[in-house]
Amino acid sequence: YDILESKKGEIKFLGKSDKNIELVSTIFTEMKKHGINVEKLKESIDNTQDMYLKTKLNDIYILYKEYEERIAENYIDANDVLTKLAEKIDNSTMFDNAVIYIDEFAGFTEQEYILIKKLLKKAKQINITICTDWLENNGSQENDIYYQNKITAQKIVKLIEDEEIENPVILKEKHRFRNIELKHLEENIYNNKYKK
């Protein structure tokens, strides 16, 4: 509220109403989760041709920059914890030769991908489970209940390849289903050519 109040002469679209405070807070959270810092936002503004979008982004930039400057000395935003962890991992021995399990995630934020990338270099082994029928993304988003999970799996596999990690192991056998009814449902729930 204080930042919106102090910057109201500089911003064009956002006022200091309670709705806008919540909106701005949500925007900051999303930007942090997806690795967009003040510098990246400024770069995006400079590369944007659409004046309407440029003006809106500039409002966000003014507020974001002020927010980051105000908390820099005395506070840590809860949304920065993973970023700070990723920055410190190289100097830590906590994860050296560790075996790490990352289980039951459907997707990751940019912050989390950066952290996984750092952990890949430190840990002895990282096991990531993603619930899907196979890794190849052959279906469409509307017809495949595992669509987002497959996108996540592809990003993880690419991350491993980019980091030149040796011996990635991809499990292809299904051990999940204890009965044929659940297996059948999983295979046919969105299938147009279903089997009874």
Protein backbone atom coordinates (compact mmCIF):
# COMPACT_ATOMS: atom_id res chain seq x y z
CA TYR A 1 0.00 0.00 0.00
CA ASP A 2 2.80 2.36 0.95
CA ILE A 3 4.64 1.72 -2.33
CA LEU A 4 1.48 2.24 -4.40
CA GLU A 5 0.83 5.44 -2.46
CA SER A 6 4.37 6.78 -2.86
CA LYS A 7 4.55 5.96 -6.58
CA LYS A 8 1.04 7.02 -7.61
CA GLY A 9 2.43 10.00 -9.51
CA GLU A 10 4.60 7.73 -11.68
CA ILE A 11 2.20 4.90 -12.48
CA LYS A 12 -0.49 5.14 -15.15
CA PHE A 13 -2.74 2.07 -14.71
CA LEU A 14 -2.48 0.88 -11.15
CA GLY A 15 -3.98 2.86 -8.30
CA LYS A 16 -3.72 2.20 -4.59
CA SER A 17 -7.02 0.37 -4.09
CA ASP A 18 -7.07 -2.84 -2.04
CA LYS A 19 -7.79 -4.82 -5.22
CA ASN A 20 -4.64 -3.52 -6.85
CA ILE A 21 -2.53 -4.29 -3.77
CA GLU A 22 -3.58 -7.93 -4.03
CA LEU A 23 -3.05 -7.92 -7.82
CA VAL A 24 0.45 -6.44 -7.53
CA SER A 25 1.35 -8.88 -4.77
CA THR A 26 0.21 -11.81 -6.94
CA ILE A 27 2.18 -10.47 -9.91
CA PHE A 28 5.35 -10.22 -7.77
CA THR A 29 4.88 -13.80 -6.54
CA GLU A 30 4.45 -15.14 -10.08
CA MET A 31 7.44 -13.18 -11.36
CA LYS A 32 9.67 -14.52 -8.61
CA LYS A 33 8.51 -18.12 -9.16
CA HIS A 34 9.31 -17.84 -12.85
CA GLY A 35 12.71 -16.21 -12.44
CA ILE A 36 11.79 -12.71 -13.60
CA ASN A 37 13.87 -10.19 -11.68
CA VAL A 38 13.86 -6.40 -12.05
CA GLU A 39 16.55 -6.50 -14.76
CA LYS A 40 14.70 -9.08 -16.88
CA LEU A 41 11.49 -7.08 -16.57
CA LYS A 42 13.27 -3.90 -17.71
CA GLU A 43 14.76 -5.79 -20.66
CA SER A 44 11.28 -7.02 -21.64
CA ILE A 45 9.91 -3.48 -21.48
CA ASP A 46 12.73 -2.22 -23.70
CA ASN A 47 12.01 -4.97 -26.26
CA THR A 48 8.23 -4.47 -26.30
CA GLN A 49 6.75 -2.56 -29.23
CA ASP A 50 3.12 -2.49 -28.02
CA MET A 51 2.81 0.85 -26.18
CA TYR A 52 -0.21 -0.23 -24.15
CA LEU A 53 1.62 -3.31 -22.84
CA LYS A 54 4.80 -1.29 -22.37
CA THR A 55 2.97 1.21 -20.14
CA LYS A 56 1.43 -1.56 -18.00
CA LEU A 57 4.77 -3.35 -17.68
CA ASN A 58 6.43 -0.07 -16.74
CA ASP A 59 3.96 0.37 -13.85
CA ILE A 60 4.85 -3.12 -12.62
CA TYR A 61 8.55 -2.35 -13.07
CA ILE A 62 8.33 0.84 -10.97
CA LEU A 63 6.54 -0.97 -8.15
CA TYR A 64 8.66 -4.16 -8.34
CA LYS A 65 11.93 -2.21 -8.30
CA GLU A 66 10.82 -0.17 -5.29
CA TYR A 67 9.63 -3.32 -3.48
CA GLU A 68 12.93 -5.13 -4.09
CA GLU A 69 14.93 -2.10 -2.91
CA ARG A 70 12.88 -1.77 0.28
CA ILE A 71 13.21 -5.40 1.34
CA ALA A 72 16.83 -5.87 0.20
CA GLU A 73 18.53 -4.77 3.42
CA ASN A 74 16.40 -6.21 6.19
CA TYR A 75 14.00 -8.84 4.83
CA ILE A 76 13.70 -11.94 2.68
CA ASP A 77 10.53 -12.42 0.70
CA ALA A 78 9.21 -15.97 1.19
CA ASN A 79 9.09 -16.26 -2.61
CA ASP A 80 12.87 -15.72 -2.76
CA VAL A 81 13.80 -18.66 -0.52
CA LEU A 82 14.39 -21.13 -3.39
CA THR A 83 16.34 -18.54 -5.36
CA LYS A 84 18.56 -17.84 -2.35
CA LEU A 85 19.03 -21.58 -1.80
CA ALA A 86 20.06 -22.08 -5.45
CA GLU A 87 22.57 -19.23 -5.12
CA LYS A 88 24.17 -20.80 -2.02
CA ILE A 89 24.24 -24.47 -3.09
CA ASP A 90 27.59 -24.20 -4.89
CA ASN A 91 29.28 -23.21 -1.62
CA SER A 92 27.54 -25.85 0.49
CA THR A 93 28.49 -29.46 1.16
CA MET A 94 25.04 -30.35 2.48
CA PHE A 95 23.96 -32.06 -0.75
CA ASP A 96 27.30 -33.59 -1.73
CA ASN A 97 26.75 -37.26 -2.62
CA ALA A 98 23.15 -37.09 -1.38
CA VAL A 99 20.37 -39.26 -2.76
CA ILE A 100 17.35 -37.03 -3.38
CA TYR A 101 13.76 -37.99 -4.11
CA ILE A 102 11.37 -35.55 -5.76
CA ASP A 103 8.00 -37.24 -5.75
CA GLU A 104 4.49 -36.51 -7.04
CA PHE A 105 5.03 -33.16 -8.73
CA ALA A 106 3.03 -32.42 -11.87
CA GLY A 107 5.19 -29.43 -12.76
CA PHE A 108 7.88 -27.09 -11.54
CA THR A 109 8.37 -23.33 -11.52
CA GLU A 110 11.44 -21.76 -13.09
CA GLN A 111 12.86 -21.34 -9.57
CA GLU A 112 12.46 -25.07 -8.94
CA TYR A 113 14.08 -26.01 -12.27
CA ILE A 114 17.08 -23.83 -11.40
CA LEU A 115 17.32 -25.54 -8.01
CA ILE A 116 17.08 -29.03 -9.58
CA LYS A 117 19.79 -28.06 -12.06
CA LYS A 118 22.09 -27.05 -9.19
CA LEU A 119 21.29 -30.22 -7.24
CA LEU A 120 22.10 -32.37 -10.29
CA LYS A 121 25.69 -31.19 -10.01
CA LYS A 122 25.97 -31.88 -6.27
CA ALA A 123 23.93 -34.98 -5.52
CA LYS A 124 25.00 -38.56 -6.08
CA GLN A 125 21.56 -39.44 -7.40
CA ILE A 126 18.24 -37.66 -7.93
CA ASN A 127 15.05 -39.65 -8.35
CA ILE A 128 12.10 -37.77 -9.82
CA THR A 129 8.72 -39.41 -10.17
CA ILE A 130 6.17 -38.01 -12.59
CA CYS A 131 2.86 -39.77 -13.03
CA THR A 132 2.32 -40.43 -16.73
CA ASP A 133 1.58 -43.28 -19.11
CA TRP A 134 4.69 -42.62 -21.26
CA LEU A 135 7.14 -39.77 -21.81
CA GLU A 136 6.40 -39.01 -25.45
CA ASN A 137 3.83 -36.29 -25.90
CA ASN A 138 1.69 -37.67 -28.73
CA GLY A 139 -1.71 -36.41 -27.66
CA SER A 140 -3.38 -33.05 -27.43
CA GLN A 141 -3.93 -31.10 -24.26
CA GLU A 142 -7.69 -31.74 -24.38
CA ASN A 143 -7.46 -35.53 -24.77
CA ASP A 144 -4.49 -36.43 -22.60
CA ILE A 145 -4.82 -36.34 -18.82
CA TYR A 146 -1.02 -36.55 -18.57
CA TYR A 147 -0.28 -33.72 -21.00
CA GLN A 148 1.21 -31.31 -18.42
CA ASN A 149 3.10 -34.13 -16.71
CA LYS A 150 4.68 -35.09 -20.05
CA ILE A 151 5.76 -31.49 -20.65
CA THR A 152 7.38 -31.55 -17.19
CA ALA A 153 9.09 -34.88 -17.93
CA GLN A 154 10.44 -33.55 -21.24
CA LYS A 155 11.84 -30.46 -19.49
CA ILE A 156 13.54 -32.63 -16.87
CA VAL A 157 15.03 -34.94 -19.53
CA LYS A 158 16.30 -31.89 -21.47
CA LEU A 159 17.77 -30.44 -18.30
CA ILE A 160 19.64 -33.71 -17.68
CA GLU A 161 20.89 -33.77 -21.27
CA ASP A 162 21.97 -30.11 -21.13
CA GLU A 163 23.91 -30.76 -17.93
CA GLU A 164 25.45 -33.84 -19.54
CA ILE A 165 24.48 -36.05 -16.63
CA GLU A 166 25.65 -39.60 -17.13
CA ASN A 167 23.34 -42.59 -17.08
CA PRO A 168 19.86 -41.11 -16.72
CA VAL A 169 17.44 -43.95 -16.04
CA ILE A 170 13.87 -43.74 -17.29
CA LEU A 171 11.54 -46.38 -15.89
CA LYS A 172 9.10 -47.66 -18.51
CA GLU A 173 7.41 -50.46 -16.60
CA LYS A 174 4.22 -49.62 -14.71
CA HIS A 175 4.10 -50.78 -11.11
CA ARG A 176 1.31 -48.45 -10.05
CA PHE A 177 -1.84 -50.48 -10.53
CA ARG A 178 -2.80 -53.28 -8.20
CA ASN A 179 -5.92 -54.20 -10.16
CA ILE A 180 -6.96 -54.29 -13.81
CA GLU A 181 -9.93 -51.95 -13.29
CA LEU A 182 -7.73 -48.97 -12.36
CA LYS A 183 -5.32 -49.77 -15.16
CA HIS A 184 -8.22 -49.92 -17.63
CA LEU A 185 -9.64 -46.62 -16.39
CA GLU A 186 -6.26 -44.90 -16.68
CA GLU A 187 -5.84 -46.09 -20.27
CA ASN A 188 -9.37 -45.29 -21.46
CA ILE A 189 -10.79 -42.35 -19.49
CA TYR A 190 -10.36 -39.80 -22.30
CA ASN A 191 -9.94 -42.23 -25.16
CA ASN A 192 -12.49 -41.80 -28.00
CA LYS A 193 -11.98 -45.39 -29.09
CA TYR A 194 -12.46 -46.88 -25.66
CA LYS A 195 -12.76 -50.53 -24.79
CA LYS A 196 -15.40 -51.91 -22.40
